[in-house]
Each structure stands twice: as C-alpha cells, then as structure tokens.
C-alpha cells in the first residue's frame, strides 16, 4: 500500500487547525484522502496541513490526467510529478465522506497526543467501511526544539532565510504511519468496525506504529508581517500532484535547471471574479528535490512566498542554499 501517494487535498475546510500564526487567506487546510481497497474496507487519509497556496494540491492515482511537470532524483528517476485533471473526473468526494472525515478530525483533536497517528472507524455514514487516518502534529516555537526533534535527519533547518530577511517563527512536524499489508488493513477494519458497534460510542480508534522515516515539516518564517512557508516532505515513494484545469488559472510555472539542479518555479495571482472560489492569493513558489545520499529516500521541498515579496532570483538562491 502506498503510504500517502494516492490522496486528495482539494477539499477545503474552514475550521482549519493551523499553526500559531494567522495564515488563513493564503494557507488552507485541505482533506487528505486515500481510496484504496483493503479487503472489504477502504482507507481514508486526512491531515491538517498549511499547504502551498499556488499549488492547489490534489493527488490520486485513480484519475486520468495529463502530465505537466516533474522532478527527478540523482538517479534520474521521477519522484515528483504534477498532472492536470478535470474536476468532473473525481469520484468519492461526497458530503457523507466529508462529514465523516471532519468528525474523525474532531475526535483526533481530543484524543491524540502530539506526534501520534491513529486509525478511526466511524460507524455512522460509513456504508463502505472506510478508515480515516488522523495525525497529530508536533508543534515547535523554538528552533532548538525543532532541531533536536529532527536530529540526525538529512534536512537543513535554518534560523534565517532569504538573505536573513525572514526569521524562523514556528513549525510543526506530521508523521505518517508505518506501512501495513493489505491483510493487516483488512483485519484492522474488521476489528474497528466491531469495536465501534459494541462500544456504543459510534466510533473506534487504534493508534498506529510510527517509525519516523516518513514525515512532513511545515515551517513559517516571517519578516515584518510577510510570511515565507517552507514545506519539506521525506519519502521513498513517488509523489503525484493533481491540479484541476480551473485551478491553473492565474498560475504560471517554469521548470529551470540551475547548476545541475531541477527547480520548478511558479507565480500566481488572484483571478478577477474568482477570489472567493479559488481562495488563492498573489505569490510565488519554488519546488525542488534533495536526494539523500546512499538512500532511496528523498526530500521534496516547496518554498511559498506569500504575497510575492521576493524576486525570482532570490527564490532560486534560497533553493540552492537548501541544496548545499
């Protein structure tokens, strides 16, 4: 089973559980959903993230799509790919699924400790026997605590970025569960369904193993009220990002090769008349891959310049600083 590769981040939720900083306009909480058949049940991944405004992420292997952009590792293998789909091609995005996912998210807020990952089975409104995977982020207000948490990980955690213009403000780390076999997921579904029915609570929960090998780091840097967001995702599986044709309006992207490094640069602006529906602000972004030496793992970085205060060259220089 792919851990996070088949997912749907398009669903916007306005009760966003964001970090301790007001990024409501440019940083949206989205549903992270996986639909993979496991025995008689289905898995549903969901997580609070402050994700990339200009990217408008959606990921799923279930959709037919047109290739747009890709990034490769040091072996030349494609580890990150963007595709375009028609929103009409999406399935499973029902109100019932969204409401169930929101309910499991509220329970996770109440029950999970920082860094925990758990499987939730909601008895009501769940005819397809779906499991929702909830993750509790580990929040950081100091750089020293963040560095200690990720000690030994092959990642650059900077105090200041962009020529020392932006200073570290806060961060959070979200872990993914260790991989289970199809048989294990099927057994877990049966177990949680029975517990949900017998408990009288209407749900059942089981914490999952977390090794710390797969994680997402979301950092906020600030300069006089301006925000720079740095997302770093460690994975050993291909990341596929789906973008709807409507979501590409007002977005310009360009693939660059700078000193042998592949960079994906983007600029986006609010489309007149679609400010509310798109929930997108003016800004810039740059994505790139750091290949971890002697490992199948890589780190996908995305730096989001909310409001577009940095120049294209400044973002390129920043990407190169992370790749050193």
C-alpha atoms as a PDB file:
ATOM      1  CA  UNK A   1       0.000   0.000   0.000  1.00  0.00           C
ATOM      2  CA  UNK A   2       1.287   3.443  -0.823  1.00  0.00           C
ATOM      3  CA  UNK A   3       1.510   5.491   2.318  1.00  0.00           C
ATOM      4  CA  UNK A   4       0.472   8.917   1.057  1.00  0.00           C
ATOM      5  CA  UNK A   5       0.758   8.807  -2.683  1.00  0.00           C
ATOM      6  CA  UNK A   6      -2.908   8.345  -3.551  1.00  0.00           C
ATOM      7  CA  UNK A   7      -4.597  11.285  -1.926  1.00  0.00           C
ATOM      8  CA  UNK A   8      -6.980  14.141  -2.476  1.00  0.00           C
ATOM      9  CA  UNK A   9      -6.104  17.509  -0.983  1.00  0.00           C
ATOM     10  CA  UNK A  10      -8.733  19.523  -2.843  1.00  0.00           C
ATOM     11  CA  UNK A  11     -11.424  19.653  -0.172  1.00  0.00           C
ATOM     12  CA  UNK A  12     -11.274  22.942   1.704  1.00  0.00           C
ATOM     13  CA  UNK A  13     -12.265  23.050   5.350  1.00  0.00           C
ATOM     14  CA  UNK A  14     -12.897  26.384   7.009  1.00  0.00           C
ATOM     15  CA  UNK A  15     -12.344  25.139  10.557  1.00  0.00           C
ATOM     16  CA  UNK A  16      -8.646  24.894   9.808  1.00  0.00           C
ATOM     17  CA  UNK A  17      -6.411  23.629  12.605  1.00  0.00           C
ATOM     18  CA  UNK A  18      -3.476  25.798  11.611  1.00  0.00           C
ATOM     19  CA  UNK A  19      -0.243  26.595  13.452  1.00  0.00           C
ATOM     20  CA  UNK A  20       0.005  29.507  15.877  1.00  0.00           C
ATOM     21  CA  UNK A  21       0.046  32.110  13.129  1.00  0.00           C
ATOM     22  CA  UNK A  22      -2.706  33.716  11.088  1.00  0.00           C
ATOM     23  CA  UNK A  23      -2.307  32.374   7.558  1.00  0.00           C
ATOM     24  CA  UNK A  24      -5.991  31.808   6.832  1.00  0.00           C
ATOM     25  CA  UNK A  25      -6.031  33.636   3.495  1.00  0.00           C
ATOM     26  CA  UNK A  26      -3.000  32.066   1.833  1.00  0.00           C
ATOM     27  CA  UNK A  27      -2.730  28.828   3.752  1.00  0.00           C
ATOM     28  CA  UNK A  28      -5.614  26.409   3.513  1.00  0.00           C
ATOM     29  CA  UNK A  29      -6.451  23.273   5.372  1.00  0.00           C
ATOM     30  CA  UNK A  30      -7.343  20.506   2.968  1.00  0.00           C
ATOM     31  CA  UNK A  31      -8.620  16.994   3.100  1.00  0.00           C
ATOM     32  CA  UNK A  32      -6.007  14.326   2.567  1.00  0.00           C
ATOM     33  CA  UNK A  33      -7.814  11.271   1.386  1.00  0.00           C
ATOM     34  CA  UNK A  34      -6.770   7.872   0.057  1.00  0.00           C
ATOM     35  CA  UNK A  35      -9.174   5.485  -1.595  1.00  0.00           C
ATOM     36  CA  UNK A  36      -7.543   2.083  -1.841  1.00  0.00           C
ATOM     37  CA  UNK A  37      -9.478  -1.134  -1.493  1.00  0.00           C
ATOM     38  CA  UNK A  38      -8.318  -3.115   1.538  1.00  0.00           C
ATOM     39  CA  UNK A  39     -10.266  -6.343   1.860  1.00  0.00           C
ATOM     40  CA  UNK A  40     -13.871  -5.244   2.359  1.00  0.00           C
ATOM     41  CA  UNK A  41     -12.889  -1.803   3.633  1.00  0.00           C
ATOM     42  CA  UNK A  42     -11.362   1.403   2.321  1.00  0.00           C
ATOM     43  CA  UNK A  43      -8.737   3.746   3.706  1.00  0.00           C
ATOM     44  CA  UNK A  44      -9.216   7.444   4.065  1.00  0.00           C
ATOM     45  CA  UNK A  45      -6.194   9.594   4.852  1.00  0.00           C
ATOM     46  CA  UNK A  46      -6.730  13.053   6.250  1.00  0.00           C
ATOM     47  CA  UNK A  47      -4.422  15.575   7.845  1.00  0.00           C
ATOM     48  CA  UNK A  48      -4.307  19.254   8.736  1.00  0.00           C
ATOM     49  CA  UNK A  49      -1.655  20.980   6.709  1.00  0.00           C
ATOM     50  CA  UNK A  50      -0.895  24.508   5.747  1.00  0.00           C
ATOM     51  CA  UNK A  51      -0.298  23.700   2.146  1.00  0.00           C
ATOM     52  CA  UNK A  52       1.010  25.713  -0.721  1.00  0.00           C
ATOM     53  CA  UNK A  53      -1.431  28.270  -1.950  1.00  0.00           C
ATOM     54  CA  UNK A  54      -0.372  28.314  -5.552  1.00  0.00           C
ATOM     55  CA  UNK A  55      -0.159  24.564  -5.848  1.00  0.00           C
ATOM     56  CA  UNK A  56      -3.836  23.802  -5.135  1.00  0.00           C
ATOM     57  CA  UNK A  57      -2.817  20.233  -4.459  1.00  0.00           C
ATOM     58  CA  UNK A  58      -4.826  17.174  -5.324  1.00  0.00           C
ATOM     59  CA  UNK A  59      -3.305  13.746  -5.517  1.00  0.00           C
ATOM     60  CA  UNK A  60      -4.814  10.495  -6.687  1.00  0.00           C
ATOM     61  CA  UNK A  61      -3.790   7.617  -8.881  1.00  0.00           C
ATOM     62  CA  UNK A  62      -7.439   6.999  -9.747  1.00  0.00           C
ATOM     63  CA  UNK A  63      -7.747   9.891 -12.201  1.00  0.00           C
ATOM     64  CA  UNK A  64      -6.809  10.038 -15.858  1.00  0.00           C
ATOM     65  CA  UNK A  65      -4.565  13.057 -16.219  1.00  0.00           C
ATOM     66  CA  UNK A  66      -2.226  14.995 -18.478  1.00  0.00           C
ATOM     67  CA  UNK A  67       1.424  15.282 -17.440  1.00  0.00           C
ATOM     68  CA  UNK A  68       2.517  18.827 -16.643  1.00  0.00           C
ATOM     69  CA  UNK A  69       5.816  18.888 -14.751  1.00  0.00           C
ATOM     70  CA  UNK A  70       8.154  16.503 -12.972  1.00  0.00           C
ATOM     71  CA  UNK A  71      11.284  16.475 -10.833  1.00  0.00           C
ATOM     72  CA  UNK A  72      13.853  13.677 -10.669  1.00  0.00           C
ATOM     73  CA  UNK A  73      16.274  12.346  -8.088  1.00  0.00           C
ATOM     74  CA  UNK A  74      20.014  11.903  -8.568  1.00  0.00           C
ATOM     75  CA  UNK A  75      19.387   8.582 -10.353  1.00  0.00           C
ATOM     76  CA  UNK A  76      17.181  10.286 -12.934  1.00  0.00           C
ATOM     77  CA  UNK A  77      14.006   8.653 -11.585  1.00  0.00           C
ATOM     78  CA  UNK A  78      10.865  10.782 -11.478  1.00  0.00           C
ATOM     79  CA  UNK A  79       9.962  11.179  -7.797  1.00  0.00           C
ATOM     80  CA  UNK A  80       7.636  14.176  -8.108  1.00  0.00           C
ATOM     81  CA  UNK A  81       5.082  14.758 -10.842  1.00  0.00           C
ATOM     82  CA  UNK A  82       2.295  17.264 -11.458  1.00  0.00           C
ATOM     83  CA  UNK A  83      -0.683  16.345 -13.605  1.00  0.00           C
ATOM     84  CA  UNK A  84      -3.862  18.076 -14.662  1.00  0.00           C
ATOM     85  CA  UNK A  85      -7.334  16.617 -14.348  1.00  0.00           C
ATOM     86  CA  UNK A  86     -10.889  17.671 -14.963  1.00  0.00           C
ATOM     87  CA  UNK A  87     -12.735  18.065 -11.635  1.00  0.00           C
ATOM     88  CA  UNK A  88     -15.627  16.102 -13.157  1.00  0.00           C
ATOM     89  CA  UNK A  89     -13.384  13.029 -13.223  1.00  0.00           C
ATOM     90  CA  UNK A  90     -13.113  12.912  -9.451  1.00  0.00           C
ATOM     91  CA  UNK A  91     -15.195  10.436  -7.521  1.00  0.00           C
ATOM     92  CA  UNK A  92     -15.898   9.564  -3.913  1.00  0.00           C
ATOM     93  CA  UNK A  93     -15.947  13.200  -2.819  1.00  0.00           C
ATOM     94  CA  UNK A  94     -19.382  13.004  -1.220  1.00  0.00           C
ATOM     95  CA  UNK A  95     -20.822  15.131   1.547  1.00  0.00           C
ATOM     96  CA  UNK A  96     -21.115  11.959   3.604  1.00  0.00           C
ATOM     97  CA  UNK A  97     -17.388  11.293   3.298  1.00  0.00           C
ATOM     98  CA  UNK A  98     -16.501  14.891   4.153  1.00  0.00           C
ATOM     99  CA  UNK A  99     -18.712  14.965   7.242  1.00  0.00           C
ATOM    100  CA  UNK A 100     -17.311  11.658   8.474  1.00  0.00           C
ATOM    101  CA  UNK A 101     -13.778  12.891   7.940  1.00  0.00           C
ATOM    102  CA  UNK A 102     -14.495  16.096   9.847  1.00  0.00           C
ATOM    103  CA  UNK A 103     -15.920  14.072  12.718  1.00  0.00           C
ATOM    104  CA  UNK A 104     -12.840  11.868  12.953  1.00  0.00           C
ATOM    105  CA  UNK A 105     -10.709  15.014  12.864  1.00  0.00           C
ATOM    106  CA  UNK A 106     -12.525  16.472  15.851  1.00  0.00           C
ATOM    107  CA  UNK A 107     -12.039  13.232  17.766  1.00  0.00           C
ATOM    108  CA  UNK A 108      -8.352  13.247  16.891  1.00  0.00           C
ATOM    109  CA  UNK A 109      -8.042  16.759  18.343  1.00  0.00           C
ATOM    110  CA  UNK A 110      -9.458  15.457  21.614  1.00  0.00           C
ATOM    111  CA  UNK A 111      -7.800  12.062  21.867  1.00  0.00           C
ATOM    112  CA  UNK A 112      -4.391  12.082  20.189  1.00  0.00           C
ATOM    113  CA  UNK A 113      -1.134  13.161  21.776  1.00  0.00           C
ATOM    114  CA  UNK A 114       1.399  15.155  19.771  1.00  0.00           C
ATOM    115  CA  UNK A 115       3.074  13.018  17.128  1.00  0.00           C
ATOM    116  CA  UNK A 116       0.542  10.190  17.327  1.00  0.00           C
ATOM    117  CA  UNK A 117      -1.141   8.634  14.297  1.00  0.00           C
ATOM    118  CA  UNK A 118      -4.359   6.674  14.608  1.00  0.00           C
ATOM    119  CA  UNK A 119      -6.946   4.838  12.544  1.00  0.00           C
ATOM    120  CA  UNK A 120     -10.562   5.902  13.176  1.00  0.00           C
ATOM    121  CA  UNK A 121     -13.634   3.929  12.195  1.00  0.00           C
ATOM    122  CA  UNK A 122     -16.881   5.933  12.228  1.00  0.00           C
ATOM    123  CA  UNK A 123     -19.972   3.708  12.403  1.00  0.00           C
ATOM    124  CA  UNK A 124     -22.483   6.284  11.143  1.00  0.00           C
ATOM    125  CA  UNK A 125     -22.489   7.342   7.491  1.00  0.00           C
ATOM    126  CA  UNK A 126     -19.889   4.757   6.552  1.00  0.00           C
ATOM    127  CA  UNK A 127     -21.503   2.185   4.230  1.00  0.00           C
ATOM    128  CA  UNK A 128     -18.181   1.469   2.510  1.00  0.00           C
ATOM    129  CA  UNK A 129     -16.411   0.747   5.811  1.00  0.00           C
ATOM    130  CA  UNK A 130     -13.781   3.417   5.424  1.00  0.00           C
ATOM    131  CA  UNK A 131     -10.981   4.046   7.872  1.00  0.00           C
ATOM    132  CA  UNK A 132      -9.794   7.618   8.454  1.00  0.00           C
ATOM    133  CA  UNK A 133      -6.119   8.084   9.317  1.00  0.00           C
ATOM    134  CA  UNK A 134      -5.569  11.055  11.611  1.00  0.00           C
ATOM    135  CA  UNK A 135      -2.234  12.585  12.542  1.00  0.00           C
ATOM    136  CA  UNK A 136      -1.494  14.865  15.487  1.00  0.00           C
ATOM    137  CA  UNK A 137       1.276  17.331  14.655  1.00  0.00           C
ATOM    138  CA  UNK A 138       4.202  18.101  16.910  1.00  0.00           C
ATOM    139  CA  UNK A 139       4.381  21.898  17.234  1.00  0.00           C
ATOM    140  CA  UNK A 140       7.514  23.940  17.759  1.00  0.00           C
ATOM    141  CA  UNK A 141       8.036  27.540  18.803  1.00  0.00           C
ATOM    142  CA  UNK A 142      11.817  27.384  19.090  1.00  0.00           C
ATOM    143  CA  UNK A 143      14.398  26.377  16.537  1.00  0.00           C
ATOM    144  CA  UNK A 144      16.430  24.439  19.087  1.00  0.00           C
ATOM    145  CA  UNK A 145      13.486  22.156  19.917  1.00  0.00           C
ATOM    146  CA  UNK A 146      12.799  21.518  16.231  1.00  0.00           C
ATOM    147  CA  UNK A 147      16.437  20.705  15.534  1.00  0.00           C
ATOM    148  CA  UNK A 148      16.538  18.325  18.476  1.00  0.00           C
ATOM    149  CA  UNK A 149      13.401  16.553  17.256  1.00  0.00           C
ATOM    150  CA  UNK A 150      14.829  16.044  13.759  1.00  0.00           C
ATOM    151  CA  UNK A 151      18.373  15.389  14.912  1.00  0.00           C
ATOM    152  CA  UNK A 152      20.110  13.006  12.540  1.00  0.00           C
ATOM    153  CA  UNK A 153      17.658  13.654   9.706  1.00  0.00           C
ATOM    154  CA  UNK A 154      19.209  14.873   6.417  1.00  0.00           C
ATOM    155  CA  UNK A 155      17.455  18.230   6.383  1.00  0.00           C
ATOM    156  CA  UNK A 156      18.571  21.838   6.606  1.00  0.00           C
ATOM    157  CA  UNK A 157      16.723  23.760   9.320  1.00  0.00           C
ATOM    158  CA  UNK A 158      17.677  27.410   9.033  1.00  0.00           C
ATOM    159  CA  UNK A 159      17.297  30.209  11.553  1.00  0.00           C
ATOM    160  CA  UNK A 160      17.004  32.874   8.861  1.00  0.00           C
ATOM    161  CA  UNK A 161      16.425  32.640   5.115  1.00  0.00           C
ATOM    162  CA  UNK A 162      16.457  34.863   2.048  1.00  0.00           C
ATOM    163  CA  UNK A 163      19.480  36.910   2.977  1.00  0.00           C
ATOM    164  CA  UNK A 164      18.462  36.899   6.646  1.00  0.00           C
ATOM    165  CA  UNK A 165      15.305  38.817   5.764  1.00  0.00           C
ATOM    166  CA  UNK A 166      12.991  36.146   7.160  1.00  0.00           C
ATOM    167  CA  UNK A 167      13.365  34.686  10.652  1.00  0.00           C
ATOM    168  CA  UNK A 168      12.034  31.372  11.962  1.00  0.00           C
ATOM    169  CA  UNK A 169       8.651  31.801  13.658  1.00  0.00           C
ATOM    170  CA  UNK A 170       7.090  28.359  14.179  1.00  0.00           C
ATOM    171  CA  UNK A 171       6.906  24.862  12.746  1.00  0.00           C
ATOM    172  CA  UNK A 172       5.180  21.562  13.048  1.00  0.00           C
ATOM    173  CA  UNK A 173       6.059  18.014  12.075  1.00  0.00           C
ATOM    174  CA  UNK A 174       3.467  15.454  10.985  1.00  0.00           C
ATOM    175  CA  UNK A 175       4.403  11.782  10.814  1.00  0.00           C
ATOM    176  CA  UNK A 176       2.965   9.051   8.603  1.00  0.00           C
ATOM    177  CA  UNK A 177       2.246   5.543   9.926  1.00  0.00           C
ATOM    178  CA  UNK A 178       4.435   2.572   9.163  1.00  0.00           C
ATOM    179  CA  UNK A 179       3.201   0.559   6.216  1.00  0.00           C
ATOM    180  CA  UNK A 180       0.776  -2.293   6.826  1.00  0.00           C
ATOM    181  CA  UNK A 181      -0.016  -5.135   4.465  1.00  0.00           C
ATOM    182  CA  UNK A 182      -3.408  -5.471   2.778  1.00  0.00           C
ATOM    183  CA  UNK A 183      -4.192  -8.336   5.135  1.00  0.00           C
ATOM    184  CA  UNK A 184      -3.328  -6.229   8.185  1.00  0.00           C
ATOM    185  CA  UNK A 185      -5.539  -3.353   6.985  1.00  0.00           C
ATOM    186  CA  UNK A 186      -8.424  -5.736   6.328  1.00  0.00           C
ATOM    187  CA  UNK A 187      -8.054  -7.237   9.804  1.00  0.00           C
ATOM    188  CA  UNK A 188      -7.886  -3.780  11.359  1.00  0.00           C
ATOM    189  CA  UNK A 189     -11.065  -2.717   9.538  1.00  0.00           C
ATOM    190  CA  UNK A 190     -12.958  -5.744  10.868  1.00  0.00           C
ATOM    191  CA  UNK A 191     -11.637  -5.145  14.374  1.00  0.00           C
ATOM    192  CA  UNK A 192     -12.536  -1.442  14.486  1.00  0.00           C
ATOM    193  CA  UNK A 193     -15.966  -1.989  12.935  1.00  0.00           C
ATOM    194  CA  UNK A 194     -16.802  -4.490  15.681  1.00  0.00           C
ATOM    195  CA  UNK A 195     -15.473  -2.206  18.422  1.00  0.00           C
ATOM    196  CA  UNK A 196     -17.452   0.761  17.084  1.00  0.00           C
ATOM    197  CA  UNK A 197     -20.668  -1.254  17.110  1.00  0.00           C
ATOM    198  CA  UNK A 198     -20.137  -2.789  20.562  1.00  0.00           C
ATOM    199  CA  UNK A 199     -18.826   0.298  22.362  1.00  0.00           C
ATOM    200  CA  UNK A 200     -21.930   2.392  21.869  1.00  0.00           C
ATOM    201  CA  UNK A 201     -19.702   5.407  21.130  1.00  0.00           C
ATOM    202  CA  UNK A 202     -20.279   5.286  17.396  1.00  0.00           C
ATOM    203  CA  UNK A 203     -16.558   5.068  16.643  1.00  0.00           C
ATOM    204  CA  UNK A 204     -13.408   3.084  17.364  1.00  0.00           C
ATOM    205  CA  UNK A 205      -9.771   4.164  17.335  1.00  0.00           C
ATOM    206  CA  UNK A 206      -6.433   2.360  17.099  1.00  0.00           C
ATOM    207  CA  UNK A 207      -3.051   4.105  17.285  1.00  0.00           C
ATOM    208  CA  UNK A 208      -0.586   3.050  14.593  1.00  0.00           C
ATOM    209  CA  UNK A 209       3.154   2.466  14.597  1.00  0.00           C
ATOM    210  CA  UNK A 210       5.290   5.440  13.595  1.00  0.00           C
ATOM    211  CA  UNK A 211       8.959   4.900  12.825  1.00  0.00           C
ATOM    212  CA  UNK A 212       9.764   8.498  11.966  1.00  0.00           C
ATOM    213  CA  UNK A 213      11.039   7.633   8.496  1.00  0.00           C
ATOM    214  CA  UNK A 214       8.180   9.418   6.704  1.00  0.00           C
ATOM    215  CA  UNK A 215       7.285  12.937   7.775  1.00  0.00           C
ATOM    216  CA  UNK A 216       6.183  16.390   6.672  1.00  0.00           C
ATOM    217  CA  UNK A 217       7.760  19.514   8.122  1.00  0.00           C
ATOM    218  CA  UNK A 218       5.874  22.802   7.777  1.00  0.00           C
ATOM    219  CA  UNK A 219       7.846  25.887   8.820  1.00  0.00           C
ATOM    220  CA  UNK A 220       6.852  29.545   8.932  1.00  0.00           C
ATOM    221  CA  UNK A 221       9.380  32.347   8.510  1.00  0.00           C
ATOM    222  CA  UNK A 222       8.415  35.967   8.993  1.00  0.00           C
ATOM    223  CA  UNK A 223       9.671  39.414   8.009  1.00  0.00           C
ATOM    224  CA  UNK A 224       7.657  42.463   9.131  1.00  0.00           C
ATOM    225  CA  UNK A 225       4.385  40.606   8.742  1.00  0.00           C
ATOM    226  CA  UNK A 226       5.290  38.918   5.471  1.00  0.00           C
ATOM    227  CA  UNK A 227       5.266  35.115   5.502  1.00  0.00           C
ATOM    228  CA  UNK A 228       7.550  32.592   3.879  1.00  0.00           C
ATOM    229  CA  UNK A 229       6.400  28.978   4.136  1.00  0.00           C
ATOM    230  CA  UNK A 230       8.827  26.077   3.827  1.00  0.00           C
ATOM    231  CA  UNK A 231       7.439  22.571   3.405  1.00  0.00           C
ATOM    232  CA  UNK A 232       9.783  19.574   3.469  1.00  0.00           C
ATOM    233  CA  UNK A 233       8.493  16.059   2.888  1.00  0.00           C
ATOM    234  CA  UNK A 234      10.670  12.984   3.370  1.00  0.00           C
ATOM    235  CA  UNK A 235       9.564   9.964   1.354  1.00  0.00           C
ATOM    236  CA  UNK A 236      10.787   6.950  -0.562  1.00  0.00           C
ATOM    237  CA  UNK A 237       7.748   6.813  -2.858  1.00  0.00           C
ATOM    238  CA  UNK A 238       6.726   8.861  -5.866  1.00  0.00           C
ATOM    239  CA  UNK A 239       4.659  11.955  -5.113  1.00  0.00           C
ATOM    240  CA  UNK A 240       1.960  12.752  -7.665  1.00  0.00           C
ATOM    241  CA  UNK A 241       0.154  16.094  -7.508  1.00  0.00           C
ATOM    242  CA  UNK A 242      -3.104  16.648  -9.364  1.00  0.00           C
ATOM    243  CA  UNK A 243      -4.294  20.107 -10.331  1.00  0.00           C
ATOM    244  CA  UNK A 244      -7.654  20.838 -11.895  1.00  0.00           C
ATOM    245  CA  UNK A 245      -7.841  22.855 -15.102  1.00  0.00           C
ATOM    246  CA  UNK A 246      -9.771  25.534 -13.211  1.00  0.00           C
ATOM    247  CA  UNK A 247      -7.079  25.676 -10.534  1.00  0.00           C
ATOM    248  CA  UNK A 248      -4.402  26.502 -13.109  1.00  0.00           C
ATOM    249  CA  UNK A 249      -5.928  29.880 -13.945  1.00  0.00           C
ATOM    250  CA  UNK A 250      -3.653  32.719 -12.911  1.00  0.00           C
ATOM    251  CA  UNK A 251      -0.754  30.315 -12.321  1.00  0.00           C
ATOM    252  CA  UNK A 252       2.438  30.438 -14.365  1.00  0.00           C
ATOM    253  CA  UNK A 253       5.069  27.747 -13.954  1.00  0.00           C
ATOM    254  CA  UNK A 254       8.542  27.249 -15.343  1.00  0.00           C
ATOM    255  CA  UNK A 255      10.975  24.382 -14.975  1.00  0.00           C
ATOM    256  CA  UNK A 256      14.566  25.532 -14.503  1.00  0.00           C
ATOM    257  CA  UNK A 257      17.939  23.827 -14.396  1.00  0.00           C
ATOM    258  CA  UNK A 258      20.398  25.736 -12.232  1.00  0.00           C
ATOM    259  CA  UNK A 259      23.861  24.294 -11.686  1.00  0.00           C
ATOM    260  CA  UNK A 260      22.521  20.807 -12.402  1.00  0.00           C
ATOM    261  CA  UNK A 261      19.539  21.136 -10.045  1.00  0.00           C
ATOM    262  CA  UNK A 262      15.955  20.932 -11.305  1.00  0.00           C
ATOM    263  CA  UNK A 263      13.722  23.673  -9.937  1.00  0.00           C
ATOM    264  CA  UNK A 264      10.016  24.247 -10.519  1.00  0.00           C
ATOM    265  CA  UNK A 265       9.233  27.952 -10.214  1.00  0.00           C
ATOM    266  CA  UNK A 266       5.678  29.292 -10.031  1.00  0.00           C
ATOM    267  CA  UNK A 267       3.920  32.648  -9.926  1.00  0.00           C
ATOM    268  CA  UNK A 268       0.229  33.073  -9.246  1.00  0.00           C
ATOM    269  CA  UNK A 269      -2.255  35.892  -8.983  1.00  0.00           C
ATOM    270  CA  UNK A 270      -5.884  36.180  -7.985  1.00  0.00           C
ATOM    271  CA  UNK A 271      -8.192  35.844 -10.979  1.00  0.00           C
ATOM    272  CA  UNK A 272     -10.758  38.685 -11.046  1.00  0.00           C
ATOM    273  CA  UNK A 273     -14.204  37.405 -10.125  1.00  0.00           C
ATOM    274  CA  UNK A 274     -12.843  34.135  -8.667  1.00  0.00           C
ATOM    275  CA  UNK A 275     -11.224  35.394  -5.483  1.00  0.00           C
ATOM    276  CA  UNK A 276     -13.607  33.543  -3.172  1.00  0.00           C
ATOM    277  CA  UNK A 277     -13.956  30.313  -5.111  1.00  0.00           C
ATOM    278  CA  UNK A 278     -10.222  29.893  -5.646  1.00  0.00           C
ATOM    279  CA  UNK A 279      -9.072  31.114  -2.216  1.00  0.00           C
ATOM    280  CA  UNK A 280      -5.744  31.991  -3.748  1.00  0.00           C
ATOM    281  CA  UNK A 281      -3.519  34.952  -3.037  1.00  0.00           C
ATOM    282  CA  UNK A 282      -0.785  36.566  -5.072  1.00  0.00           C
ATOM    283  CA  UNK A 283       2.530  34.872  -4.510  1.00  0.00           C
ATOM    284  CA  UNK A 284       5.459  32.852  -5.777  1.00  0.00           C
ATOM    285  CA  UNK A 285       6.794  29.392  -5.089  1.00  0.00           C
ATOM    286  CA  UNK A 286       9.681  27.099  -5.876  1.00  0.00           C
ATOM    287  CA  UNK A 287       9.919  23.299  -5.572  1.00  0.00           C
ATOM    288  CA  UNK A 288      12.946  21.012  -5.764  1.00  0.00           C
ATOM    289  CA  UNK A 289      14.262  17.594  -4.748  1.00  0.00           C
ATOM    290  CA  UNK A 290      17.105  16.805  -2.399  1.00  0.00           C
ATOM    291  CA  UNK A 291      18.310  13.247  -2.980  1.00  0.00           C
ATOM    292  CA  UNK A 292      19.566  11.688   0.250  1.00  0.00           C
ATOM    293  CA  UNK A 293      22.971  10.073  -0.438  1.00  0.00           C
ATOM    294  CA  UNK A 294      23.148   6.273  -0.267  1.00  0.00           C
ATOM    295  CA  UNK A 295      19.409   6.055   0.275  1.00  0.00           C
ATOM    296  CA  UNK A 296      16.190   5.543  -1.675  1.00  0.00           C
ATOM    297  CA  UNK A 297      14.669   8.401   0.316  1.00  0.00           C
ATOM    298  CA  UNK A 298      14.465  11.985  -0.879  1.00  0.00           C
ATOM    299  CA  UNK A 299      13.170  15.273   0.488  1.00  0.00           C
ATOM    300  CA  UNK A 300      10.739  17.304  -1.582  1.00  0.00           C
ATOM    301  CA  UNK A 301      10.982  20.980  -0.678  1.00  0.00           C
ATOM    302  CA  UNK A 302       8.454  23.636  -1.535  1.00  0.00           C
ATOM    303  CA  UNK A 303       9.011  27.269  -0.544  1.00  0.00           C
ATOM    304  CA  UNK A 304       5.976  29.520  -0.732  1.00  0.00           C
ATOM    305  CA  UNK A 305       6.446  33.303  -0.841  1.00  0.00           C
ATOM    306  CA  UNK A 306       3.055  34.552   0.345  1.00  0.00           C
ATOM    307  CA  UNK A 307       2.316  37.828  -1.417  1.00  0.00           C
ATOM    308  CA  UNK A 308       5.270  37.502  -3.784  1.00  0.00           C
ATOM    309  CA  UNK A 309       7.696  39.806  -1.975  1.00  0.00           C
ATOM    310  CA  UNK A 310      10.862  38.038  -3.155  1.00  0.00           C
ATOM    311  CA  UNK A 311      12.230  38.103  -6.671  1.00  0.00           C
ATOM    312  CA  UNK A 312      12.574  35.035  -8.842  1.00  0.00           C
ATOM    313  CA  UNK A 313      16.346  35.095  -8.381  1.00  0.00           C
ATOM    314  CA  UNK A 314      16.001  35.342  -4.608  1.00  0.00           C
ATOM    315  CA  UNK A 315      13.862  32.205  -4.575  1.00  0.00           C
ATOM    316  CA  UNK A 316      16.378  30.412  -6.794  1.00  0.00           C
ATOM    317  CA  UNK A 317      19.201  31.441  -4.439  1.00  0.00           C
ATOM    318  CA  UNK A 318      17.146  30.190  -1.491  1.00  0.00           C
ATOM    319  CA  UNK A 319      16.592  26.822  -3.167  1.00  0.00           C
ATOM    320  CA  UNK A 320      20.307  26.495  -3.801  1.00  0.00           C
ATOM    321  CA  UNK A 321      21.005  27.255  -0.127  1.00  0.00           C
ATOM    322  CA  UNK A 322      18.818  24.297   0.886  1.00  0.00           C
ATOM    323  CA  UNK A 323      20.543  22.039  -1.655  1.00  0.00           C
ATOM    324  CA  UNK A 324      24.063  22.736  -0.403  1.00  0.00           C
END
